[in-house]
C-alpha atoms as a PDB file:
ATOM      1  CA  MET A   1     -18.762   9.240   3.190  1.00  0.00           C
ATOM      2  CA  ILE A   2     -17.943   5.537   3.048  1.00  0.00           C
ATOM      3  CA  GLN A   3     -19.602   3.685   0.223  1.00  0.00           C
ATOM      4  CA  ALA A   4     -22.117   1.217   1.622  1.00  0.00           C
ATOM      5  CA  GLN A   5     -21.217  -2.377   0.990  1.00  0.00           C
ATOM      6  CA  THR A   6     -23.602  -4.895   2.393  1.00  0.00           C
ATOM      7  CA  MET A   7     -22.478  -8.450   2.717  1.00  0.00           C
ATOM      8  CA  THR A   8     -24.610 -11.329   3.848  1.00  0.00           C
ATOM      9  CA  LEU A   9     -23.283 -13.560   6.592  1.00  0.00           C
ATOM     10  CA  ASP A  10     -22.653 -16.262   3.988  1.00  0.00           C
ATOM     11  CA  GLU A  11     -20.643 -13.805   1.864  1.00  0.00           C
ATOM     12  CA  LYS A  12     -18.613 -12.736   4.896  1.00  0.00           C
ATOM     13  CA  LEU A  13     -17.847 -16.328   5.828  1.00  0.00           C
ATOM     14  CA  ALA A  14     -16.925 -17.258   2.245  1.00  0.00           C
ATOM     15  CA  THR A  15     -14.593 -14.246   2.011  1.00  0.00           C
ATOM     16  CA  ILE A  16     -12.974 -15.050   5.352  1.00  0.00           C
ATOM     17  CA  ASN A  17     -12.504 -18.704   4.326  1.00  0.00           C
ATOM     18  CA  GLN A  18     -10.924 -17.596   1.052  1.00  0.00           C
ATOM     19  CA  ALA A  19      -8.641 -15.222   2.957  1.00  0.00           C
ATOM     20  CA  PHE A  20      -7.519 -17.974   5.315  1.00  0.00           C
ATOM     21  CA  SER A  21      -6.792 -20.225   2.332  1.00  0.00           C
ATOM     22  CA  LEU A  22      -4.534 -17.487   0.966  1.00  0.00           C
ATOM     23  CA  LYS A  23      -2.796 -17.150   4.317  1.00  0.00           C
ATOM     24  CA  GLU A  24      -2.259 -20.913   4.555  1.00  0.00           C
ATOM     25  CA  ALA A  25      -0.771 -20.783   1.056  1.00  0.00           C
ATOM     26  CA  GLY A  26       1.725 -18.214   2.306  1.00  0.00           C
ATOM     27  CA  ASP A  27       0.185 -15.099   0.757  1.00  0.00           C
ATOM     28  CA  SER A  28      -0.190 -12.867   3.806  1.00  0.00           C
ATOM     29  CA  GLU A  29      -0.563  -9.689   1.750  1.00  0.00           C
ATOM     30  CA  ALA A  30      -3.534 -11.080  -0.196  1.00  0.00           C
ATOM     31  CA  TYR A  31      -4.992 -12.355   3.086  1.00  0.00           C
ATOM     32  CA  ASN A  32      -4.803  -8.871   4.624  1.00  0.00           C
ATOM     33  CA  ARG A  33      -6.286  -7.193   1.537  1.00  0.00           C
ATOM     34  CA  LEU A  34      -9.196  -9.619   1.386  1.00  0.00           C
ATOM     35  CA  MET A  35      -9.918  -9.481   5.125  1.00  0.00           C
ATOM     36  CA  LYS A  36     -10.193  -5.702   4.930  1.00  0.00           C
ATOM     37  CA  THR A  37     -13.077  -6.070   2.470  1.00  0.00           C
ATOM     38  CA  VAL A  38     -15.214  -7.703   5.165  1.00  0.00           C
ATOM     39  CA  PRO A  39     -17.105  -5.010   7.090  1.00  0.00           C
ATOM     40  CA  LEU A  40     -15.670  -4.407  10.543  1.00  0.00           C
ATOM     41  CA  PRO A  41     -18.319  -5.079  13.197  1.00  0.00           C
ATOM     42  CA  PRO A  42     -19.510  -1.795  14.722  1.00  0.00           C
ATOM     43  CA  TYR A  43     -18.786  -2.925  18.282  1.00  0.00           C
ATOM     44  CA  LEU A  44     -15.124  -3.498  17.408  1.00  0.00           C
ATOM     45  CA  ALA A  45     -14.881  -0.081  15.764  1.00  0.00           C
ATOM     46  CA  LYS A  46     -16.418   1.523  18.846  1.00  0.00           C
ATOM     47  CA  ILE A  47     -13.874  -0.163  21.120  1.00  0.00           C
ATOM     48  CA  ALA A  48     -10.974   0.811  18.840  1.00  0.00           C
ATOM     49  CA  LYS A  49     -12.155   4.414  18.681  1.00  0.00           C
ATOM     50  CA  GLU A  50     -12.562   4.654  22.466  1.00  0.00           C
ATOM     51  CA  LYS A  51      -9.425   2.765  23.500  1.00  0.00           C
ATOM     52  CA  ILE A  52      -6.970   3.736  20.764  1.00  0.00           C
ATOM     53  CA  SER A  53      -8.133   6.598  18.540  1.00  0.00           C
ATOM     54  CA  LEU A  54     -10.316   7.422  15.574  1.00  0.00           C
ATOM     55  CA  ASP A  55      -7.251   8.261  13.472  1.00  0.00           C
ATOM     56  CA  PHE A  56      -5.772   4.829  14.145  1.00  0.00           C
ATOM     57  CA  LEU A  57      -9.080   3.127  13.303  1.00  0.00           C
ATOM     58  CA  LEU A  58      -9.335   5.012  10.019  1.00  0.00           C
ATOM     59  CA  SER A  59      -5.688   4.330   9.152  1.00  0.00           C
ATOM     60  CA  LEU A  60      -6.214   0.565   9.269  1.00  0.00           C
ATOM     61  CA  GLY A  61      -8.144   0.578   6.009  1.00  0.00           C
ATOM     62  CA  TRP A  62     -10.962  -1.695   7.131  1.00  0.00           C
ATOM     63  CA  ASN A  63     -14.362  -1.643   5.482  1.00  0.00           C
ATOM     64  CA  LEU A  64     -16.378   0.606   7.818  1.00  0.00           C
ATOM     65  CA  SER A  65     -19.687   0.464   5.930  1.00  0.00           C
ATOM     66  CA  GLU A  66     -21.527  -1.292   8.773  1.00  0.00           C
ATOM     67  CA  VAL A  67     -20.082   1.166  11.288  1.00  0.00           C
ATOM     68  CA  GLU A  68     -21.373   4.077   9.246  1.00  0.00           C
ATOM     69  CA  ALA A  69     -24.762   2.409   8.811  1.00  0.00           C
ATOM     70  CA  GLU A  70     -25.129   1.817  12.556  1.00  0.00           C
ATOM     71  CA  PHE A  71     -23.628   5.002  14.013  1.00  0.00           C
ATOM     72  CA  GLY A  72     -24.038   7.411  11.097  1.00  0.00           C
ATOM     73  CA  PRO A  73     -21.360   9.099   8.988  1.00  0.00           C
ATOM     74  CA  ALA A  74     -20.711  11.825  11.576  1.00  0.00           C
ATOM     75  CA  TRP A  75     -19.453   9.197  14.041  1.00  0.00           C
ATOM     76  CA  LEU A  76     -16.405   8.647  11.825  1.00  0.00           C
ATOM     77  CA  ASN A  77     -15.573  12.341  11.944  1.00  0.00           C
ATOM     78  CA  ASN A  78     -15.828  12.938  15.701  1.00  0.00           C
END
C-alpha cells in the first residue's frame, strides 16, 4: 500500500516552483527527485497504465497517493 500524502494545490505549486528553480540552476537530479514527490494526477496514471503498462508506471517512482485514493489500492496491482 502506498502511504497517503495529501498536498494542497498551493503546496503542489510551491514544490513545482522549487523544482523548476533547481532545474534552472542546473540541478536536474534534484529537480527530478522533487517533482516525484508531487502526487501524479490519477488521469495521467490511468493513461500511462492503459497505453504503456502498469509495471512501467510503477517503475517511474512517482507519488501515486492520489491514484490510490481515487481508484483504490487494488488498481495498482491489476
